[in-house]
Amino acid sequence: MDTAAEPAPADPADAAAAGQTGHAHLHIGQVAERTGLSLRTIRHYEEVGLVPASARSQGGFRLYTDADVARLMVIRRMKPLGFTLEQMGELLAVTDRLEGRTQAGPLPKAEHQACLERLEAFEAAARERCAALRTQLQWAEEFADDLHRRRRQAAPVQAGPQPGR
């Protein structure tokens, strides 16, 4: 994990805003702990627009909400399945739209259906990729088992007479 953490806010108001007294916003270090992502990764996702910090404290510290943490968890779960940043952004836009988290207002029926179809396509792709990973994992476990079997079957090295003695 990236150890270049933003320093803890010295100003009590910043500490409260950063969630250090149980309020709604979380400091980036707390988000990193909750998600298992590095600070660098969280900052990168902010830079590319996937998860912008919900707010900044008076001291300029990034502040995140539980909804931001949930978005980061979606991204974290998509990453090992090989989804691109563009695909991650597309899925987040679809779910934001379906869940009413945009300024666009009510979702027309046709757009709602299109979003559902896109979500279904992401689900199918995720399931296919999970199946492929399970197959790869099975092959990897077979390989490890084969190595174990070979090691156990190998004759132990005998300490015999040394040449020239």
Protein backbone atom coordinates (compact mmCIF):
# COMPACT_ATOMS: atom_id res chain seq x y z
CA MET A 1 0.00 0.00 0.00
CA ASP A 2 1.20 3.54 -0.78
CA THR A 3 2.61 4.96 2.42
CA ALA A 4 2.61 8.59 1.30
CA ALA A 5 -0.53 9.37 3.26
CA GLU A 6 -1.95 12.82 3.46
CA PRO A 7 -1.14 14.02 6.97
CA ALA A 8 -3.91 13.95 9.53
CA PRO A 9 -5.67 17.31 9.73
CA ALA A 10 -4.30 19.50 12.51
CA ASP A 11 -7.39 21.73 12.55
CA PRO A 12 -10.20 20.17 14.64
CA ALA A 13 -12.71 21.29 12.00
CA ASP A 14 -10.72 19.41 9.35
CA ALA A 15 -10.53 16.36 11.61
CA ALA A 16 -14.29 16.42 12.07
CA ALA A 17 -14.88 16.89 8.36
CA ALA A 18 -12.49 14.02 7.60
CA GLY A 19 -14.60 11.67 9.64
CA GLN A 20 -12.19 11.46 12.55
CA THR A 21 -14.97 12.16 14.99
CA GLY A 22 -17.55 9.87 13.42
CA HIS A 23 -19.04 12.33 10.91
CA ALA A 24 -20.12 11.45 7.36
CA HIS A 25 -16.84 12.10 5.52
CA LEU A 26 -13.79 9.87 5.50
CA HIS A 27 -10.16 10.84 5.02
CA ILE A 28 -8.35 9.10 2.15
CA GLY A 29 -6.34 6.96 4.58
CA GLN A 30 -9.54 5.62 6.12
CA VAL A 31 -10.89 4.86 2.66
CA ALA A 32 -7.67 3.01 1.80
CA GLU A 33 -8.04 0.89 4.94
CA ARG A 34 -11.68 0.08 4.17
CA THR A 35 -11.10 -0.82 0.52
CA GLY A 36 -7.63 -2.37 0.59
CA LEU A 37 -6.58 0.03 -2.17
CA SER A 38 -3.43 2.12 -2.01
CA LEU A 39 -3.61 5.88 -1.62
CA ARG A 40 -1.96 6.19 -5.04
CA THR A 41 -4.68 4.02 -6.61
CA ILE A 42 -7.48 6.02 -4.98
CA ARG A 43 -5.90 9.26 -6.20
CA HIS A 44 -5.56 7.78 -9.70
CA TYR A 45 -9.24 6.82 -9.78
CA GLU A 46 -10.04 10.38 -8.72
CA GLU A 47 -7.79 11.82 -11.44
CA VAL A 48 -9.46 9.75 -14.18
CA GLY A 49 -12.92 10.70 -12.92
CA LEU A 50 -14.11 7.34 -11.62
CA VAL A 51 -14.41 8.38 -7.98
CA PRO A 52 -13.92 12.07 -7.37
CA ALA A 53 -13.57 13.04 -3.75
CA SER A 54 -17.00 14.17 -2.54
CA ALA A 55 -15.51 17.14 -0.79
CA ARG A 56 -12.36 18.81 0.40
CA SER A 57 -11.75 19.95 3.92
CA GLN A 58 -10.81 23.55 4.67
CA GLY A 59 -7.23 22.29 4.78
CA GLY A 60 -7.56 20.79 1.29
CA PHE A 61 -7.76 17.13 2.31
CA ARG A 62 -9.76 14.75 0.15
CA LEU A 63 -12.98 13.67 1.82
CA TYR A 64 -15.06 10.66 0.83
CA THR A 65 -18.51 9.32 1.72
CA ASP A 66 -19.72 5.76 2.17
CA ALA A 67 -21.13 6.01 -1.37
CA ASP A 68 -17.62 6.82 -2.63
CA VAL A 69 -16.28 3.77 -0.79
CA ALA A 70 -18.99 1.65 -2.44
CA ARG A 71 -17.91 2.95 -5.88
CA LEU A 72 -14.30 2.08 -5.09
CA MET A 73 -15.36 -1.42 -4.09
CA VAL A 74 -17.13 -1.86 -7.44
CA ILE A 75 -13.92 -0.80 -9.19
CA ARG A 76 -11.79 -3.06 -7.00
CA ARG A 77 -14.03 -6.02 -7.86
CA MET A 78 -13.94 -5.24 -11.60
CA LYS A 79 -10.16 -4.89 -11.79
CA PRO A 80 -9.19 -8.58 -11.38
CA LEU A 81 -11.76 -9.45 -14.03
CA GLY A 82 -9.86 -7.37 -16.56
CA PHE A 83 -12.38 -4.59 -17.08
CA THR A 84 -10.84 -1.38 -18.43
CA LEU A 85 -11.11 2.01 -16.74
CA GLU A 86 -13.50 3.03 -19.52
CA GLN A 87 -15.72 0.01 -18.84
CA MET A 88 -15.62 0.74 -15.12
CA GLY A 89 -16.73 4.29 -15.80
CA GLU A 90 -19.50 3.06 -18.08
CA LEU A 91 -20.82 0.64 -15.47
CA LEU A 92 -20.70 3.30 -12.76
CA ALA A 93 -22.60 5.71 -15.04
CA VAL A 94 -25.25 3.06 -15.71
CA THR A 95 -25.72 2.24 -12.03
CA ASP A 96 -25.72 5.93 -11.09
CA ARG A 97 -28.45 6.53 -13.64
CA LEU A 98 -30.52 3.52 -12.55
CA GLU A 99 -30.18 4.49 -8.89
CA GLY A 100 -31.03 8.15 -9.48
CA ARG A 101 -27.62 9.54 -8.56
CA THR A 102 -27.40 11.99 -11.45
CA GLN A 103 -28.70 15.49 -12.12
CA ALA A 104 -30.54 14.25 -15.24
CA GLY A 105 -33.88 13.84 -13.50
CA PRO A 106 -36.31 10.92 -13.85
CA LEU A 107 -35.27 8.12 -16.14
CA PRO A 108 -37.44 7.75 -19.26
CA LYS A 109 -38.70 4.22 -19.84
CA ALA A 110 -36.55 3.64 -22.96
CA GLU A 111 -33.39 4.82 -21.19
CA HIS A 112 -34.24 2.71 -18.16
CA GLN A 113 -34.54 -0.35 -20.41
CA ALA A 114 -31.25 0.49 -22.16
CA CYS A 115 -29.50 0.83 -18.79
CA LEU A 116 -30.91 -2.51 -17.63
CA GLU A 117 -29.69 -4.18 -20.83
CA ARG A 118 -26.22 -2.67 -20.37
CA LEU A 119 -26.17 -3.84 -16.75
CA GLU A 120 -27.19 -7.32 -17.90
CA ALA A 121 -24.31 -7.32 -20.42
CA PHE A 122 -21.85 -6.38 -17.65
CA GLU A 123 -23.24 -9.16 -15.47
CA ALA A 124 -22.82 -11.71 -18.27
CA ALA A 125 -19.27 -10.52 -18.95
CA ALA A 126 -18.41 -10.72 -15.24
CA ARG A 127 -19.77 -14.26 -15.01
CA GLU A 128 -17.81 -15.33 -18.12
CA ARG A 129 -14.62 -13.81 -16.73
CA CYS A 130 -15.16 -15.48 -13.35
CA ALA A 131 -15.56 -18.84 -15.10
CA ALA A 132 -12.33 -18.25 -17.04
CA LEU A 133 -10.52 -17.35 -13.81
CA ARG A 134 -11.86 -20.50 -12.12
CA THR A 135 -10.48 -22.56 -14.99
CA GLN A 136 -7.11 -20.83 -14.73
CA LEU A 137 -7.10 -21.37 -10.97
CA GLN A 138 -7.87 -25.06 -11.47
CA TRP A 139 -4.94 -25.35 -13.87
CA ALA A 140 -2.66 -23.52 -11.44
CA GLU A 141 -3.71 -25.82 -8.58
CA GLU A 142 -3.11 -28.87 -10.77
CA PHE A 143 0.35 -27.53 -11.55
CA ALA A 144 1.14 -26.96 -7.86
CA ASP A 145 -0.14 -30.47 -7.05
CA ASP A 146 2.03 -31.91 -9.84
CA LEU A 147 5.10 -30.15 -8.48
CA HIS A 148 4.34 -31.47 -5.01
CA ARG A 149 3.96 -35.01 -6.37
CA ARG A 150 7.23 -34.77 -8.32
CA ARG A 151 9.11 -33.46 -5.30
CA ARG A 152 7.82 -36.29 -3.11
CA GLN A 153 8.64 -38.93 -5.73
CA ALA A 154 12.17 -37.67 -6.32
CA ALA A 155 14.79 -39.86 -4.72
CA PRO A 156 16.46 -38.21 -1.78
CA VAL A 157 20.02 -37.13 -2.44
CA GLN A 158 22.39 -39.76 -1.09
CA ALA A 159 25.57 -38.65 0.59
CA GLY A 160 28.01 -41.01 -1.08
CA PRO A 161 31.78 -41.16 -1.36
CA GLN A 162 33.34 -37.95 -2.57
CA PRO A 163 35.45 -38.20 -5.75
CA GLY A 164 39.18 -38.04 -5.10
CA ARG A 165 39.01 -39.24 -1.53
